[in-house]
């Protein structure tokens, strides 16, 4: 049975899964967390990447897990070339970050809205140390003073 939520309960849920950019970066510097960029590949190519972030495209993962995409999500997914990721690869990557390295998984998207969903999804899959970075890539870019970004980790 689906849960019904009110604006107050939605705000409380978001507060529990959201972390400020400053705190997120500090956790990464201390080696306690890893940034996971959930944007689609074309978004990273167009806007830039956060150095050392792991790329796991949210909409492709949702499809792999059997979730239905909204029309807007499908349009975003269709705008780029699919990433080579499968269910086993997704869970291997998350397990390696979350369980083996005992890291907090910090989801980051463009503005911080999709990453809340991603953190909640990961928590529902049994990864309680998943958080959303408030403000997303836009906040990170503003903090960097619009300096050029580098390619994502693992990219040539």
Protein backbone atom coordinates (compact mmCIF):
# COMPACT_ATOMS: atom_id res chain seq x y z
CA UNK A 1 0.00 0.00 0.00
CA UNK A 2 1.57 3.35 -0.98
CA UNK A 3 2.26 5.80 1.76
CA UNK A 4 0.52 9.14 1.59
CA UNK A 5 2.63 12.13 2.43
CA UNK A 6 1.95 15.70 3.31
CA UNK A 7 4.24 18.64 2.58
CA UNK A 8 5.40 18.54 6.21
CA UNK A 9 6.33 14.84 6.10
CA UNK A 10 8.05 15.30 2.72
CA UNK A 11 10.14 18.15 4.14
CA UNK A 12 11.05 16.06 7.19
CA UNK A 13 12.08 13.12 4.98
CA UNK A 14 14.20 15.39 2.77
CA UNK A 15 15.88 16.87 5.86
CA UNK A 16 16.87 13.37 7.03
CA UNK A 17 18.49 12.45 3.72
CA UNK A 18 20.04 15.81 2.77
CA UNK A 19 23.49 17.12 3.67
CA UNK A 20 25.04 20.50 2.94
CA UNK A 21 27.70 20.72 0.24
CA UNK A 22 30.28 21.91 2.76
CA UNK A 23 29.69 18.94 5.05
CA UNK A 24 29.68 16.56 2.07
CA UNK A 25 33.04 17.83 0.83
CA UNK A 26 34.50 17.61 4.33
CA UNK A 27 33.39 13.96 4.63
CA UNK A 28 35.04 13.24 1.27
CA UNK A 29 38.28 14.96 2.33
CA UNK A 30 38.30 12.82 5.49
CA UNK A 31 37.88 9.68 3.39
CA UNK A 32 34.50 8.86 4.93
CA UNK A 33 32.29 9.44 1.90
CA UNK A 34 32.18 9.26 -1.88
CA UNK A 35 30.28 11.58 -4.21
CA UNK A 36 28.06 9.70 -6.66
CA UNK A 37 26.98 11.85 -9.60
CA UNK A 38 23.56 10.55 -10.70
CA UNK A 39 23.18 12.84 -13.72
CA UNK A 40 22.99 11.36 -17.19
CA UNK A 41 26.28 11.23 -19.13
CA UNK A 42 25.28 14.01 -21.53
CA UNK A 43 24.57 16.33 -18.57
CA UNK A 44 28.10 15.79 -17.29
CA UNK A 45 29.51 16.34 -20.78
CA UNK A 46 27.53 19.59 -21.19
CA UNK A 47 27.95 21.10 -17.73
CA UNK A 48 31.09 19.49 -16.37
CA UNK A 49 32.05 16.87 -13.83
CA UNK A 50 32.96 16.93 -10.19
CA UNK A 51 36.50 15.53 -9.82
CA UNK A 52 36.70 12.12 -8.14
CA UNK A 53 32.92 11.60 -8.27
CA UNK A 54 31.64 8.18 -9.30
CA UNK A 55 29.05 8.26 -12.09
CA UNK A 56 25.88 6.17 -11.72
CA UNK A 57 23.06 7.46 -13.96
CA UNK A 58 19.83 7.47 -11.94
CA UNK A 59 17.29 7.03 -14.73
CA UNK A 60 19.10 4.03 -16.17
CA UNK A 61 19.25 2.47 -12.70
CA UNK A 62 15.53 3.09 -12.20
CA UNK A 63 14.82 1.22 -15.44
CA UNK A 64 17.15 -1.64 -14.45
CA UNK A 65 15.26 -2.00 -11.18
CA UNK A 66 11.90 -2.12 -12.98
CA UNK A 67 10.71 1.36 -12.01
CA UNK A 68 8.52 3.34 -14.39
CA UNK A 69 9.98 6.63 -15.57
CA UNK A 70 7.90 9.77 -15.77
CA UNK A 71 7.58 11.39 -19.19
CA UNK A 72 10.17 14.03 -18.22
CA UNK A 73 12.59 11.38 -16.95
CA UNK A 74 12.18 9.37 -20.16
CA UNK A 75 12.83 12.51 -22.23
CA UNK A 76 16.05 13.16 -20.30
CA UNK A 77 17.10 9.53 -20.69
CA UNK A 78 16.36 9.62 -24.43
CA UNK A 79 18.42 12.80 -24.87
CA UNK A 80 21.72 10.97 -24.39
CA UNK A 81 23.50 7.73 -25.18
CA UNK A 82 22.86 4.97 -22.62
CA UNK A 83 25.68 4.16 -20.24
CA UNK A 84 26.94 0.60 -20.11
CA UNK A 85 25.59 -0.33 -16.70
CA UNK A 86 23.70 -3.41 -15.63
CA UNK A 87 22.07 -4.47 -12.38
CA UNK A 88 25.08 -6.49 -11.27
CA UNK A 89 27.44 -3.59 -12.05
CA UNK A 90 25.23 -1.15 -10.16
CA UNK A 91 25.02 -3.28 -7.02
CA UNK A 92 28.73 -4.18 -7.20
CA UNK A 93 29.64 -0.48 -7.34
CA UNK A 94 27.29 0.52 -4.49
CA UNK A 95 28.35 -2.46 -2.34
CA UNK A 96 32.00 -1.62 -2.89
CA UNK A 97 31.45 1.99 -1.80
CA UNK A 98 28.89 1.49 0.95
CA UNK A 99 29.83 -1.84 2.50
CA UNK A 100 33.45 -2.71 1.64
CA UNK A 101 34.84 0.81 2.01
CA UNK A 102 32.25 1.72 4.68
CA UNK A 103 31.62 5.02 2.92
CA UNK A 104 28.67 7.34 3.07
CA UNK A 105 27.20 7.52 -0.43
CA UNK A 106 26.60 11.18 -1.29
CA UNK A 107 24.23 11.49 -4.25
CA UNK A 108 24.59 14.62 -6.34
CA UNK A 109 22.52 15.72 -9.33
CA UNK A 110 22.25 19.09 -11.06
CA UNK A 111 20.23 21.00 -8.45
CA UNK A 112 19.62 18.61 -5.54
CA UNK A 113 16.09 17.39 -6.35
CA UNK A 114 16.81 14.09 -8.14
CA UNK A 115 19.50 13.24 -5.63
CA UNK A 116 16.94 13.23 -2.80
CA UNK A 117 15.02 10.56 -4.69
CA UNK A 118 18.27 8.66 -5.36
CA UNK A 119 19.25 8.69 -1.66
CA UNK A 120 15.78 7.51 -0.67
CA UNK A 121 15.94 4.77 -3.33
CA UNK A 122 19.31 3.55 -2.06
CA UNK A 123 18.03 3.55 1.51
CA UNK A 124 15.00 1.49 0.42
CA UNK A 125 17.43 -1.00 -1.16
CA UNK A 126 19.27 -1.45 2.16
CA UNK A 127 21.96 1.23 2.02
CA UNK A 128 21.20 3.42 5.07
CA UNK A 129 24.26 5.66 4.63
CA UNK A 130 22.98 7.32 1.45
CA UNK A 131 22.51 11.08 1.49
CA UNK A 132 21.62 13.81 -0.99
CA UNK A 133 23.92 16.80 -1.44
CA UNK A 134 21.86 20.00 -1.17
CA UNK A 135 22.13 22.25 -4.21
CA UNK A 136 23.83 19.60 -6.35
CA UNK A 137 26.28 20.39 -9.11
CA UNK A 138 25.06 23.99 -9.33
CA UNK A 139 26.10 24.60 -5.72
CA UNK A 140 29.44 22.86 -6.29
CA UNK A 141 30.14 24.95 -9.41
CA UNK A 142 29.25 28.16 -7.55
CA UNK A 143 31.59 27.15 -4.73
CA UNK A 144 34.39 26.51 -7.22
CA UNK A 145 33.97 30.00 -8.64
CA UNK A 146 33.09 28.59 -12.06
CA UNK A 147 36.57 27.10 -12.56
CA UNK A 148 36.91 24.51 -15.34
CA UNK A 149 36.00 20.97 -14.34
CA UNK A 150 37.72 17.72 -15.19
CA UNK A 151 36.40 14.51 -16.65
CA UNK A 152 34.62 12.07 -14.33
CA UNK A 153 36.63 9.38 -12.54
CA UNK A 154 37.50 6.57 -14.91
CA UNK A 155 36.98 8.66 -18.05
CA UNK A 156 39.86 8.96 -20.56
